[in-house]
């Protein structure tokens, strides 16, 4: 007998990588490539769960380095949380879709 696959339905807020990059650039007034930052591949979807606007002291330090144009790597989750904290986007589970 075939075992049943356990699945869970979830609701995500989906954004394309290009729209996310343009939005980040407009808020922080600097260039940003989420595909480069997160090492994203073409025709992929990346999820960022539990985005609630909470940033710890280490992420705050990375965010300040990003704002000073001194850090780019692995910033998507921190930026999503900061955008929630600043009221630009709503809390939730996000998907960034990559297709070029």
N, C-alpha and C. Protein backbone atom coordinates (compact mmCIF):
# COMPACT_ATOMS: atom_id res chain seq x y z
N UNK A 1 0.83 -1.18 0.00
CA UNK A 1 0.00 0.00 0.00
C UNK A 1 0.88 1.25 0.00
N UNK A 2 0.51 2.23 -0.82
CA UNK A 2 1.27 3.47 -0.93
C UNK A 2 0.96 4.39 0.24
N UNK A 3 2.00 4.89 0.83
CA UNK A 3 1.85 5.82 1.95
C UNK A 3 1.39 7.19 1.43
N UNK A 4 0.55 7.87 2.18
CA UNK A 4 0.07 9.20 1.83
C UNK A 4 1.16 10.24 2.07
N UNK A 5 1.29 11.14 1.14
CA UNK A 5 2.23 12.25 1.29
C UNK A 5 1.58 13.32 2.14
N UNK A 6 2.25 13.70 3.22
CA UNK A 6 1.74 14.74 4.10
C UNK A 6 2.13 16.10 3.53
N UNK A 7 1.12 16.91 3.27
CA UNK A 7 1.37 18.26 2.75
C UNK A 7 0.62 19.26 3.60
N UNK A 8 1.06 20.50 3.53
CA UNK A 8 0.43 21.59 4.26
C UNK A 8 0.23 22.75 3.29
N UNK A 9 -0.95 23.31 3.27
CA UNK A 9 -1.21 24.49 2.45
C UNK A 9 -0.77 25.72 3.22
N UNK A 10 -0.08 26.63 2.51
CA UNK A 10 0.37 27.88 3.12
C UNK A 10 0.07 29.02 2.17
N UNK A 11 -0.05 30.19 2.72
CA UNK A 11 -0.22 31.39 1.92
C UNK A 11 1.07 32.19 1.98
N UNK A 12 1.55 32.59 0.81
CA UNK A 12 2.78 33.37 0.71
C UNK A 12 2.51 34.69 0.01
N UNK A 13 3.33 35.66 0.29
CA UNK A 13 3.36 36.92 -0.44
C UNK A 13 4.49 36.79 -1.45
N UNK A 14 4.16 36.82 -2.72
CA UNK A 14 5.16 36.56 -3.77
C UNK A 14 5.58 37.84 -4.46
N UNK A 15 6.87 37.98 -4.70
CA UNK A 15 7.43 39.13 -5.41
C UNK A 15 8.51 38.61 -6.37
N UNK A 16 8.62 39.23 -7.52
CA UNK A 16 9.69 38.85 -8.44
C UNK A 16 11.00 39.45 -7.96
N UNK A 17 12.08 38.81 -8.35
CA UNK A 17 13.39 39.32 -7.90
C UNK A 17 13.63 40.73 -8.41
N UNK A 18 13.20 41.01 -9.64
CA UNK A 18 13.41 42.35 -10.20
C UNK A 18 12.63 43.42 -9.46
N UNK A 19 11.37 43.12 -9.13
CA UNK A 19 10.57 44.09 -8.37
C UNK A 19 11.13 44.30 -6.98
N UNK A 20 11.61 43.22 -6.35
CA UNK A 20 12.20 43.35 -5.02
C UNK A 20 13.46 44.22 -5.08
N UNK A 21 14.31 43.96 -6.07
CA UNK A 21 15.54 44.74 -6.20
C UNK A 21 15.24 46.22 -6.41
N UNK A 22 14.27 46.52 -7.30
CA UNK A 22 13.91 47.92 -7.56
C UNK A 22 13.35 48.59 -6.30
N UNK A 23 12.54 47.85 -5.54
CA UNK A 23 11.95 48.42 -4.33
C UNK A 23 13.04 48.70 -3.29
N UNK A 24 13.93 47.74 -3.09
CA UNK A 24 15.04 47.92 -2.14
C UNK A 24 15.88 49.12 -2.55
N UNK A 25 16.16 49.23 -3.84
CA UNK A 25 16.97 50.35 -4.33
C UNK A 25 16.27 51.68 -4.07
N UNK A 26 14.94 51.71 -4.20
CA UNK A 26 14.22 52.97 -3.98
C UNK A 26 14.16 53.34 -2.49
N UNK A 27 14.07 52.35 -1.62
CA UNK A 27 13.99 52.62 -0.18
C UNK A 27 15.35 53.00 0.39
N UNK A 28 16.39 52.26 0.00
CA UNK A 28 17.71 52.46 0.61
C UNK A 28 18.65 53.32 -0.23
N UNK A 29 18.18 53.72 -1.42
CA UNK A 29 18.95 54.61 -2.29
C UNK A 29 20.34 54.06 -2.62
N UNK A 30 20.36 52.78 -2.98
CA UNK A 30 21.61 52.15 -3.41
C UNK A 30 21.29 50.93 -4.25
N UNK A 31 22.21 50.50 -5.07
CA UNK A 31 21.97 49.34 -5.92
C UNK A 31 21.98 48.06 -5.08
N UNK A 32 21.23 47.07 -5.56
CA UNK A 32 21.14 45.80 -4.85
C UNK A 32 20.72 44.70 -5.81
N UNK A 33 21.39 43.57 -5.72
CA UNK A 33 21.05 42.38 -6.50
C UNK A 33 20.73 41.25 -5.54
N UNK A 34 19.44 40.94 -5.39
CA UNK A 34 19.06 39.85 -4.49
C UNK A 34 19.56 38.52 -5.05
N UNK A 35 19.60 38.37 -6.36
CA UNK A 35 20.08 37.11 -6.93
C UNK A 35 21.56 36.91 -6.61
N UNK A 36 22.34 37.97 -6.63
CA UNK A 36 23.75 37.87 -6.26
C UNK A 36 23.93 37.71 -4.77
N UNK A 37 23.17 38.48 -4.01
CA UNK A 37 23.27 38.46 -2.55
C UNK A 37 22.97 37.08 -1.98
N UNK A 38 21.94 36.44 -2.52
CA UNK A 38 21.50 35.14 -1.99
C UNK A 38 21.97 33.96 -2.83
N UNK A 39 22.77 34.22 -3.87
CA UNK A 39 23.25 33.19 -4.79
C UNK A 39 22.08 32.41 -5.39
N UNK A 40 21.08 33.15 -5.87
CA UNK A 40 19.87 32.56 -6.44
C UNK A 40 20.10 32.12 -7.87
N UNK A 41 19.43 31.04 -8.24
CA UNK A 41 19.53 30.50 -9.59
C UNK A 41 18.28 30.86 -10.39
N UNK A 42 18.41 30.85 -11.69
CA UNK A 42 17.29 31.13 -12.58
C UNK A 42 16.19 30.08 -12.44
N UNK A 43 14.96 30.47 -12.70
CA UNK A 43 13.79 29.59 -12.65
C UNK A 43 13.65 28.91 -11.29
N UNK A 44 13.79 29.70 -10.24
CA UNK A 44 13.72 29.20 -8.86
C UNK A 44 12.82 30.09 -8.02
N UNK A 45 12.39 29.55 -6.90
CA UNK A 45 11.61 30.29 -5.93
C UNK A 45 12.30 30.12 -4.57
N UNK A 46 12.47 31.22 -3.85
CA UNK A 46 13.12 31.20 -2.55
C UNK A 46 12.14 31.72 -1.50
N UNK A 47 11.99 30.97 -0.43
CA UNK A 47 11.03 31.38 0.60
C UNK A 47 11.74 31.97 1.81
N UNK A 48 11.08 32.95 2.39
CA UNK A 48 11.55 33.62 3.60
C UNK A 48 10.37 33.65 4.56
N UNK A 49 10.36 32.72 5.49
CA UNK A 49 9.23 32.52 6.38
C UNK A 49 9.37 33.33 7.67
N UNK A 50 8.23 33.73 8.22
CA UNK A 50 8.22 34.40 9.51
C UNK A 50 8.77 35.81 9.49
N UNK A 51 8.59 36.52 8.39
CA UNK A 51 9.07 37.90 8.31
C UNK A 51 8.14 38.74 9.18
N UNK A 52 8.67 39.27 10.28
CA UNK A 52 7.83 39.95 11.27
C UNK A 52 8.35 41.32 11.70
N UNK A 53 9.44 41.77 11.10
CA UNK A 53 9.96 43.09 11.45
C UNK A 53 10.90 43.10 12.63
N UNK A 54 11.22 41.93 13.16
CA UNK A 54 12.12 41.85 14.31
C UNK A 54 13.54 41.64 13.79
N UNK A 55 14.44 42.49 14.26
CA UNK A 55 15.85 42.41 13.85
C UNK A 55 16.70 42.41 15.12
N UNK A 56 17.55 41.39 15.25
CA UNK A 56 18.42 41.34 16.43
C UNK A 56 19.64 42.24 16.23
N UNK A 57 20.46 42.34 17.24
CA UNK A 57 21.60 43.27 17.19
C UNK A 57 22.61 42.93 16.10
N UNK A 58 22.75 41.64 15.79
CA UNK A 58 23.71 41.24 14.75
C UNK A 58 23.18 41.61 13.36
N UNK A 59 21.88 41.38 13.15
CA UNK A 59 21.27 41.77 11.88
C UNK A 59 21.24 43.29 11.74
N UNK A 60 21.05 43.99 12.84
CA UNK A 60 21.07 45.46 12.82
C UNK A 60 22.44 45.95 12.37
N UNK A 61 23.48 45.30 12.84
CA UNK A 61 24.85 45.66 12.43
C UNK A 61 25.04 45.42 10.94
N UNK A 62 24.55 44.26 10.44
CA UNK A 62 24.65 43.97 9.00
C UNK A 62 23.83 44.98 8.19
N UNK A 63 22.66 45.35 8.69
CA UNK A 63 21.82 46.33 8.00
C UNK A 63 22.54 47.67 7.90
N UNK A 64 23.19 48.11 8.96
CA UNK A 64 23.94 49.36 8.92
C UNK A 64 25.09 49.29 7.93
N UNK A 65 25.73 48.13 7.83
CA UNK A 65 26.80 47.96 6.83
C UNK A 65 26.21 48.00 5.42
N UNK A 66 25.04 47.40 5.23
CA UNK A 66 24.37 47.45 3.94
C UNK A 66 24.05 48.90 3.56
N UNK A 67 23.48 49.63 4.48
CA UNK A 67 23.11 51.04 4.22
C UNK A 67 24.35 51.86 3.88
N UNK A 68 25.47 51.54 4.52
CA UNK A 68 26.73 52.24 4.24
C UNK A 68 27.41 51.71 2.98
N UNK A 69 26.74 50.78 2.26
CA UNK A 69 27.25 50.20 1.03
C UNK A 69 28.51 49.37 1.26
N UNK A 70 28.58 48.71 2.43
CA UNK A 70 29.75 47.91 2.78
C UNK A 70 29.43 46.42 2.88
N UNK A 71 28.16 46.03 2.67
CA UNK A 71 27.78 44.63 2.75
C UNK A 71 26.63 44.37 1.79
N UNK A 72 26.67 43.22 1.08
CA UNK A 72 25.60 42.81 0.19
C UNK A 72 25.15 41.38 0.42
N UNK A 73 26.03 40.53 0.92
CA UNK A 73 25.77 39.09 0.98
C UNK A 73 24.70 38.72 2.00
N UNK A 74 23.79 37.88 1.56
CA UNK A 74 22.73 37.29 2.40
C UNK A 74 21.96 38.35 3.19
N UNK A 75 21.41 39.30 2.45
CA UNK A 75 20.70 40.42 3.07
C UNK A 75 19.18 40.34 2.92
N UNK A 76 18.64 39.44 2.11
CA UNK A 76 17.21 39.46 1.79
C UNK A 76 16.34 39.37 3.04
N UNK A 77 16.61 38.42 3.92
CA UNK A 77 15.79 38.27 5.13
C UNK A 77 15.86 39.53 6.01
N UNK A 78 17.05 40.05 6.17
CA UNK A 78 17.23 41.26 6.99
C UNK A 78 16.47 42.43 6.36
N UNK A 79 16.59 42.58 5.05
CA UNK A 79 15.90 43.67 4.38
C UNK A 79 14.38 43.51 4.46
N UNK A 80 13.88 42.30 4.27
CA UNK A 80 12.44 42.07 4.40
C UNK A 80 11.96 42.45 5.80
N UNK A 81 12.70 42.04 6.82
CA UNK A 81 12.31 42.39 8.19
C UNK A 81 12.38 43.89 8.43
N UNK A 82 13.39 44.55 7.88
CA UNK A 82 13.49 46.00 8.05
C UNK A 82 12.35 46.71 7.32
N UNK A 83 11.98 46.22 6.14
CA UNK A 83 10.88 46.82 5.40
C UNK A 83 9.55 46.67 6.14
N UNK A 84 9.37 45.54 6.84
CA UNK A 84 8.18 45.37 7.69
C UNK A 84 8.25 46.36 8.86
N UNK A 85 9.41 46.41 9.50
CA UNK A 85 9.59 47.29 10.65
C UNK A 85 9.31 48.75 10.30
N UNK A 86 9.68 49.15 9.09
CA UNK A 86 9.47 50.53 8.64
C UNK A 86 8.07 50.76 8.08
N UNK A 87 7.27 49.70 7.98
CA UNK A 87 5.91 49.84 7.51
C UNK A 87 5.73 49.84 6.00
N UNK A 88 6.76 49.48 5.25
CA UNK A 88 6.67 49.45 3.79
C UNK A 88 5.94 48.21 3.28
N UNK A 89 6.09 47.08 3.97
CA UNK A 89 5.44 45.84 3.56
C UNK A 89 4.81 45.19 4.78
N UNK A 90 3.92 44.24 4.54
CA UNK A 90 3.23 43.58 5.64
C UNK A 90 4.02 42.36 6.12
N UNK A 91 3.85 41.97 7.38
CA UNK A 91 4.50 40.76 7.88
C UNK A 91 3.92 39.53 7.18
N UNK A 92 4.69 38.47 7.15
CA UNK A 92 4.20 37.23 6.57
C UNK A 92 5.33 36.37 6.04
N UNK A 93 4.92 35.39 5.25
CA UNK A 93 5.86 34.48 4.60
C UNK A 93 6.02 34.94 3.15
N UNK A 94 7.24 35.20 2.73
CA UNK A 94 7.51 35.75 1.41
C UNK A 94 8.18 34.73 0.50
N UNK A 95 7.87 34.84 -0.77
CA UNK A 95 8.55 34.08 -1.82
C UNK A 95 9.13 35.10 -2.80
N UNK A 96 10.40 34.93 -3.13
CA UNK A 96 11.01 35.73 -4.18
C UNK A 96 11.23 34.80 -5.37
N UNK A 97 10.57 35.11 -6.47
CA UNK A 97 10.68 34.30 -7.68
C UNK A 97 11.77 34.84 -8.59
N UNK A 98 12.56 33.92 -9.12
CA UNK A 98 13.68 34.30 -9.99
C UNK A 98 13.45 33.72 -11.38
N UNK A 99 13.40 34.59 -12.36
CA UNK A 99 13.29 34.16 -13.77
C UNK A 99 13.81 35.28 -14.64
N UNK A 100 14.81 34.97 -15.46
CA UNK A 100 15.31 35.98 -16.39
C UNK A 100 15.47 35.39 -17.77
